């Protein structure tokens, strides 16, 4: 998923970063990683909710589906 790829990038930058500017960049990337993880988790639970649903009628939700099944 997206978050695992970002974790890989984050680990690579942390290993490389030893001076202060690279450290600041890695802290910024950690914030981005956290946001991506939260979005990823919400999308995952929403997809679980869609797959668990048995009603054929489309429900009114705030999310817009990316693809029509």
PDB file of N, CA and C in Angstrom:
ATOM      1  N   UNK A   1       0.839  -1.196   0.000  1.00  0.00           N
ATOM      2  CA  UNK A   1       0.000   0.000   0.000  1.00  0.00           C
ATOM      3  C   UNK A   1       0.875   1.247   0.000  1.00  0.00           C
ATOM      4  N   UNK A   2       0.205   2.372   0.000  1.00  0.00           N
ATOM      5  CA  UNK A   2       0.909   3.656  -0.080  1.00  0.00           C
ATOM      6  C   UNK A   2       1.778   3.893   1.144  1.00  0.00           C
ATOM      7  N   UNK A   3       1.257   3.575   2.327  1.00  0.00           N
ATOM      8  CA  UNK A   3       1.995   3.893   3.556  1.00  0.00           C
ATOM      9  C   UNK A   3       3.266   3.069   3.675  1.00  0.00           C
ATOM     10  N   UNK A   4       3.238   1.820   3.204  1.00  0.00           N
ATOM     11  CA  UNK A   4       4.449   0.998   3.300  1.00  0.00           C
ATOM     12  C   UNK A   4       5.544   1.557   2.397  1.00  0.00           C
ATOM     13  N   UNK A   5       5.159   2.048   1.223  1.00  0.00           N
ATOM     14  CA  UNK A   5       6.133   2.666   0.321  1.00  0.00           C
ATOM     15  C   UNK A   5       6.735   3.920   0.948  1.00  0.00           C
ATOM     16  N   UNK A   6       5.890   4.717   1.607  1.00  0.00           N
ATOM     17  CA  UNK A   6       6.389   5.932   2.259  1.00  0.00           C
ATOM     18  C   UNK A   6       7.293   5.593   3.441  1.00  0.00           C
ATOM     19  N   UNK A   7       6.985   4.504   4.152  1.00  0.00           N
ATOM     20  CA  UNK A   7       7.858   4.080   5.253  1.00  0.00           C
ATOM     21  C   UNK A   7       9.235   3.710   4.705  1.00  0.00           C
ATOM     22  N   UNK A   8       9.250   3.038   3.550  1.00  0.00           N
ATOM     23  CA  UNK A   8      10.524   2.663   2.926  1.00  0.00           C
ATOM     24  C   UNK A   8      11.342   3.900   2.571  1.00  0.00           C
ATOM     25  N   UNK A   9      10.680   4.904   1.975  1.00  0.00           N
ATOM     26  CA  UNK A   9      11.377   6.154   1.631  1.00  0.00           C
ATOM     27  C   UNK A   9      11.878   6.832   2.905  1.00  0.00           C
ATOM     28  N   UNK A  10      11.044   6.846   3.956  1.00  0.00           N
ATOM     29  CA  UNK A  10      11.420   7.503   5.205  1.00  0.00           C
ATOM     30  C   UNK A  10      12.638   6.840   5.832  1.00  0.00           C
ATOM     31  N   UNK A  11      12.671   5.508   5.839  1.00  0.00           N
ATOM     32  CA  UNK A  11      13.814   4.810   6.418  1.00  0.00           C
ATOM     33  C   UNK A  11      15.085   5.093   5.634  1.00  0.00           C
ATOM     34  N   UNK A  12      14.975   5.154   4.296  1.00  0.00           N
ATOM     35  CA  UNK A  12      16.151   5.455   3.493  1.00  0.00           C
ATOM     36  C   UNK A  12      16.695   6.843   3.802  1.00  0.00           C
ATOM     37  N   UNK A  13      15.810   7.836   3.961  1.00  0.00           N
ATOM     38  CA  UNK A  13      16.265   9.195   4.229  1.00  0.00           C
ATOM     39  C   UNK A  13      16.834   9.320   5.637  1.00  0.00           C
ATOM     40  N   UNK A  14      16.272   8.591   6.596  1.00  0.00           N
ATOM     41  CA  UNK A  14      16.795   8.676   7.969  1.00  0.00           C
ATOM     42  C   UNK A  14      18.201   8.103   8.038  1.00  0.00           C
ATOM     43  N   UNK A  15      18.435   7.018   7.320  1.00  0.00           N
ATOM     44  CA  UNK A  15      19.781   6.433   7.319  1.00  0.00           C
ATOM     45  C   UNK A  15      20.776   7.415   6.691  1.00  0.00           C
ATOM     46  N   UNK A  16      20.353   8.106   5.634  1.00  0.00           N
ATOM     47  CA  UNK A  16      21.257   9.045   4.973  1.00  0.00           C
ATOM     48  C   UNK A  16      21.425  10.330   5.772  1.00  0.00           C
ATOM     49  N   UNK A  17      20.391  10.764   6.501  1.00  0.00           N
ATOM     50  CA  UNK A  17      20.418  12.112   7.083  1.00  0.00           C
ATOM     51  C   UNK A  17      21.199  12.122   8.390  1.00  0.00           C
ATOM     52  N   UNK A  18      22.262  12.906   8.424  1.00  0.00           N
ATOM     53  CA  UNK A  18      22.999  13.090   9.664  1.00  0.00           C
ATOM     54  C   UNK A  18      23.135  14.577  10.009  1.00  0.00           C
ATOM     55  N   UNK A  19      23.109  15.456   9.012  1.00  0.00           N
ATOM     56  CA  UNK A  19      23.189  16.885   9.320  1.00  0.00           C
ATOM     57  C   UNK A  19      21.796  17.441   9.593  1.00  0.00           C
ATOM     58  N   UNK A  20      21.729  18.707  10.042  1.00  0.00           N
ATOM     59  CA  UNK A  20      20.475  19.240  10.583  1.00  0.00           C
ATOM     60  C   UNK A  20      19.417  19.468   9.495  1.00  0.00           C
ATOM     61  N   UNK A  21      19.848  19.866   8.283  1.00  0.00           N
ATOM     62  CA  UNK A  21      18.846  20.160   7.250  1.00  0.00           C
ATOM     63  C   UNK A  21      18.147  18.874   6.813  1.00  0.00           C
ATOM     64  N   UNK A  22      18.913  17.815   6.637  1.00  0.00           N
ATOM     65  CA  UNK A  22      18.301  16.546   6.250  1.00  0.00           C
ATOM     66  C   UNK A  22      17.413  16.014   7.383  1.00  0.00           C
ATOM     67  N   UNK A  23      17.793  16.296   8.616  1.00  0.00           N
ATOM     68  CA  UNK A  23      16.971  15.860   9.742  1.00  0.00           C
ATOM     69  C   UNK A  23      15.627  16.585   9.754  1.00  0.00           C
ATOM     70  N   UNK A  24      15.658  17.892   9.447  1.00  0.00           N
ATOM     71  CA  UNK A  24      14.411  18.653   9.368  1.00  0.00           C
ATOM     72  C   UNK A  24      13.527  18.109   8.247  1.00  0.00           C
ATOM     73  N   UNK A  25      14.138  17.777   7.120  1.00  0.00           N
ATOM     74  CA  UNK A  25      13.379  17.202   6.010  1.00  0.00           C
ATOM     75  C   UNK A  25      12.765  15.866   6.430  1.00  0.00           C
ATOM     76  N   UNK A  26      13.519  15.064   7.171  1.00  0.00           N
ATOM     77  CA  UNK A  26      12.991  13.764   7.576  1.00  0.00           C
ATOM     78  C   UNK A  26      11.847  13.928   8.572  1.00  0.00           C
ATOM     79  N   UNK A  27      11.906  14.963   9.434  1.00  0.00           N
ATOM     80  CA  UNK A  27      10.786  15.226  10.344  1.00  0.00           C
ATOM     81  C   UNK A  27       9.545  15.631   9.542  1.00  0.00           C
ATOM     82  N   UNK A  28       9.740  16.452   8.510  1.00  0.00           N
ATOM     83  CA  UNK A  28       8.632  16.837   7.640  1.00  0.00           C
ATOM     84  C   UNK A  28       8.045  15.603   6.948  1.00  0.00           C
ATOM     85  N   UNK A  29       8.931  14.709   6.487  1.00  0.00           N
ATOM     86  CA  UNK A  29       8.455  13.488   5.823  1.00  0.00           C
ATOM     87  C   UNK A  29       7.708  12.593   6.801  1.00  0.00           C
ATOM     88  N   UNK A  30       8.090  12.622   8.063  1.00  0.00           N
ATOM     89  CA  UNK A  30       7.364  11.836   9.062  1.00  0.00           C
ATOM     90  C   UNK A  30       5.936  12.352   9.213  1.00  0.00           C
ATOM     91  N   UNK A  31       5.762  13.675   9.167  1.00  0.00           N
ATOM     92  CA  UNK A  31       4.417  14.251   9.212  1.00  0.00           C
ATOM     93  C   UNK A  31       3.590  13.835   8.008  1.00  0.00           C
ATOM     94  N   UNK A  32       4.215  13.868   6.832  1.00  0.00           N
ATOM     95  CA  UNK A  32       3.533  13.426   5.612  1.00  0.00           C
ATOM     96  C   UNK A  32       3.158  11.957   5.720  1.00  0.00           C
ATOM     97  N   UNK A  33       4.075  11.177   6.283  1.00  0.00           N
ATOM     98  CA  UNK A  33       3.839   9.747   6.455  1.00  0.00           C
ATOM     99  C   UNK A  33       2.647   9.485   7.371  1.00  0.00           C
ATOM    100  N   UNK A  34       2.543  10.272   8.441  1.00  0.00           N
ATOM    101  CA  UNK A  34       1.431  10.108   9.380  1.00  0.00           C
ATOM    102  C   UNK A  34       0.102  10.412   8.691  1.00  0.00           C
ATOM    103  N   UNK A  35       0.060  11.503   7.914  1.00  0.00           N
ATOM    104  CA  UNK A  35      -1.164  11.865   7.185  1.00  0.00           C
ATOM    105  C   UNK A  35      -1.537  10.756   6.201  1.00  0.00           C
ATOM    106  N   UNK A  36      -0.525  10.253   5.479  1.00  0.00           N
ATOM    107  CA  UNK A  36      -0.783   9.190   4.499  1.00  0.00           C
ATOM    108  C   UNK A  36      -1.282   7.930   5.189  1.00  0.00           C
ATOM    109  N   UNK A  37      -0.742   7.632   6.382  1.00  0.00           N
ATOM    110  CA  UNK A  37      -1.187   6.441   7.110  1.00  0.00           C
ATOM    111  C   UNK A  37      -2.644   6.575   7.532  1.00  0.00           C
ATOM    112  N   UNK A  38      -3.021   7.779   8.014  1.00  0.00           N
ATOM    113  CA  UNK A  38      -4.401   7.993   8.458  1.00  0.00           C
ATOM    114  C   UNK A  38      -5.361   7.865   7.270  1.00  0.00           C
ATOM    115  N   UNK A  39      -4.991   8.477   6.142  1.00  0.00           N
ATOM    116  CA  UNK A  39      -5.840   8.382   4.949  1.00  0.00           C
ATOM    117  C   UNK A  39      -5.941   6.936   4.471  1.00  0.00           C
ATOM    118  N   UNK A  40      -4.807   6.246   4.503  1.00  0.00           N
ATOM    119  CA  UNK A  40      -4.760   4.853   4.076  1.00  0.00           C
ATOM    120  C   UNK A  40      -5.695   3.994   4.937  1.00  0.00           C
ATOM    121  N   UNK A  41      -5.647   4.226   6.258  1.00  0.00           N
ATOM    122  CA  UNK A  41      -6.474   3.449   7.174  1.00  0.00           C
ATOM    123  C   UNK A  41      -7.952   3.722   6.924  1.00  0.00           C
ATOM    124  N   UNK A  42      -8.304   5.005   6.712  1.00  0.00           N
ATOM    125  CA  UNK A  42      -9.700   5.351   6.450  1.00  0.00           C
ATOM    126  C   UNK A  42     -10.180   4.714   5.155  1.00  0.00           C
ATOM    127  N   UNK A  43      -9.338   4.752   4.116  1.00  0.00           N
ATOM    128  CA  UNK A  43      -9.722   4.137   2.852  1.00  0.00           C
ATOM    129  C   UNK A  43      -9.880   2.630   3.015  1.00  0.00           C
ATOM    130  N   UNK A  44      -9.000   2.019   3.812  1.00  0.00           N
ATOM    131  CA  UNK A  44      -9.075   0.579   4.007  1.00  0.00           C
ATOM    132  C   UNK A  44     -10.372   0.191   4.715  1.00  0.00           C
ATOM    133  N   UNK A  45     -10.722   0.938   5.769  1.00  0.00           N
ATOM    134  CA  UNK A  45     -11.955   0.605   6.484  1.00  0.00           C
ATOM    135  C   UNK A  45     -13.167   0.882   5.609  1.00  0.00           C
ATOM    136  N   UNK A  46     -13.102   1.918   4.768  1.00  0.00           N
ATOM    137  CA  UNK A  46     -14.223   2.216   3.868  1.00  0.00           C
ATOM    138  C   UNK A  46     -14.377   1.112   2.831  1.00  0.00           C
ATOM    139  N   UNK A  47     -13.253   0.592   2.316  1.00  0.00           N
ATOM    140  CA  UNK A  47     -13.321  -0.513   1.363  1.00  0.00           C
ATOM    141  C   UNK A  47     -13.856  -1.776   2.029  1.00  0.00           C
ATOM    142  N   UNK A  48     -13.478  -2.009   3.289  1.00  0.00           N
ATOM    143  CA  UNK A  48     -14.032  -3.138   4.027  1.00  0.00           C
ATOM    144  C   UNK A  48     -15.536  -2.982   4.177  1.00  0.00           C
ATOM    145  N   UNK A  49     -15.964  -1.752   4.472  1.00  0.00           N
ATOM    146  CA  UNK A  49     -17.384  -1.480   4.642  1.00  0.00           C
ATOM    147  C   UNK A  49     -18.137  -1.734   3.337  1.00  0.00           C
ATOM    148  N   UNK A  50     -17.527  -1.325   2.207  1.00  0.00           N
ATOM    149  CA  UNK A  50     -18.163  -1.550   0.917  1.00  0.00           C
ATOM    150  C   UNK A  50     -18.238  -3.037   0.599  1.00  0.00           C
ATOM    151  N   UNK A  51     -17.175  -3.779   0.902  1.00  0.00           N
ATOM    152  CA  UNK A  51     -17.166  -5.199   0.553  1.00  0.00           C
ATOM    153  C   UNK A  51     -18.091  -5.990   1.481  1.00  0.00           C
ATOM    154  N   UNK A  52     -18.291  -5.526   2.706  1.00  0.00           N
ATOM    155  CA  UNK A  52     -19.152  -6.229   3.650  1.00  0.00           C
ATOM    156  C   UNK A  52     -20.628  -5.958   3.363  1.00  0.00           C
ATOM    157  N   UNK A  53     -20.902  -4.856   2.675  1.00  0.00           N
ATOM    158  CA  UNK A  53     -22.286  -4.443   2.449  1.00  0.00           C
ATOM    159  C   UNK A  53     -22.980  -5.393   1.474  1.00  0.00           C
ATOM    160  N   UNK A  54     -24.188  -5.763   1.785  1.00  0.00           N
ATOM    161  CA  UNK A  54     -24.922  -6.686   0.917  1.00  0.00           C
ATOM    162  C   UNK A  54     -26.088  -6.005   0.221  1.00  0.00           C
ATOM    163  N   UNK A  55     -26.418  -4.795   0.624  1.00  0.00           N
ATOM    164  CA  UNK A  55     -27.542  -4.085   0.016  1.00  0.00           C
ATOM    165  C   UNK A  55     -27.136  -3.623  -1.385  1.00  0.00           C
ATOM    166  N   UNK A  56     -28.007  -3.831  -2.352  1.00  0.00           N
ATOM    167  CA  UNK A  56     -27.673  -3.469  -3.726  1.00  0.00           C
ATOM    168  C   UNK A  56     -27.894  -1.988  -4.002  1.00  0.00           C
ATOM    169  N   UNK A  57     -28.749  -1.340  -3.209  1.00  0.00           N
ATOM    170  CA  UNK A  57     -29.006   0.086  -3.434  1.00  0.00           C
ATOM    171  C   UNK A  57     -27.773   0.901  -3.064  1.00  0.00           C
ATOM    172  N   UNK A  58     -27.383   1.848  -3.895  1.00  0.00           N
ATOM    173  CA  UNK A  58     -26.249   2.710  -3.514  1.00  0.00           C
ATOM    174  C   UNK A  58     -26.656   3.665  -2.396  1.00  0.00           C
ATOM    175  N   UNK A  59     -25.823   3.728  -1.384  1.00  0.00           N
ATOM    176  CA  UNK A  59     -26.132   4.600  -0.258  1.00  0.00           C
ATOM    177  C   UNK A  59     -25.493   5.963  -0.474  1.00  0.00           C
ATOM    178  N   UNK A  60     -26.115   6.992   0.086  1.00  0.00           N
ATOM    179  CA  UNK A  60     -25.563   8.340  -0.036  1.00  0.00           C
ATOM    180  C   UNK A  60     -24.435   8.491   0.980  1.00  0.00           C
ATOM    181  N   UNK A  61     -23.228   8.668   0.471  1.00  0.00           N
ATOM    182  CA  UNK A  61     -22.073   8.842   1.359  1.00  0.00           C
ATOM    183  C   UNK A  61     -21.336  10.112   0.952  1.00  0.00           C
ATOM    184  N   UNK A  62     -20.453  10.574   1.827  1.00  0.00           N
ATOM    185  CA  UNK A  62     -19.665  11.752   1.509  1.00  0.00           C
ATOM    186  C   UNK A  62     -18.482  11.396   0.616  1.00  0.00           C
ATOM    187  N   UNK A  63     -18.115  10.121   0.587  1.00  0.00           N
ATOM    188  CA  UNK A  63     -16.998   9.694  -0.246  1.00  0.00           C
ATOM    189  C   UNK A  63     -17.468   9.520  -1.678  1.00  0.00           C
ATOM    190  N   UNK A  64     -16.619   9.903  -2.614  1.00  0.00           N
ATOM    191  CA  UNK A  64     -16.900   9.612  -4.009  1.00  0.00           C
ATOM    192  C   UNK A  64     -16.088   8.390  -4.400  1.00  0.00           C
ATOM    193  N   UNK A  65     -16.722   7.341  -4.923  1.00  0.00           N
ATOM    194  CA  UNK A  65     -15.968   6.144  -5.307  1.00  0.00           C
ATOM    195  C   UNK A  65     -15.037   6.419  -6.475  1.00  0.00           C
ATOM    196  N   UNK A  66     -13.849   5.818  -6.420  1.00  0.00           N
ATOM    197  CA  UNK A  66     -12.873   6.050  -7.479  1.00  0.00           C
ATOM    198  C   UNK A  66     -13.219   5.262  -8.723  1.00  0.00           C
ATOM    199  N   UNK A  67     -13.853   4.113  -8.557  1.00  0.00           N
ATOM    200  CA  UNK A  67     -14.242   3.309  -9.713  1.00  0.00           C
ATOM    201  C   UNK A  67     -15.594   2.682  -9.447  1.00  0.00           C
ATOM    202  N   UNK A  68     -16.323   2.437 -10.513  1.00  0.00           N
ATOM    203  CA  UNK A  68     -17.640   1.825 -10.404  1.00  0.00           C
ATOM    204  C   UNK A  68     -17.484   0.328 -10.636  1.00  0.00           C
ATOM    205  N   UNK A  69     -17.929  -0.454  -9.675  1.00  0.00           N
ATOM    206  CA  UNK A  69     -17.775  -1.906  -9.791  1.00  0.00           C
ATOM    207  C   UNK A  69     -18.904  -2.488 -10.623  1.00  0.00           C
TER     208      UNK A  69
END
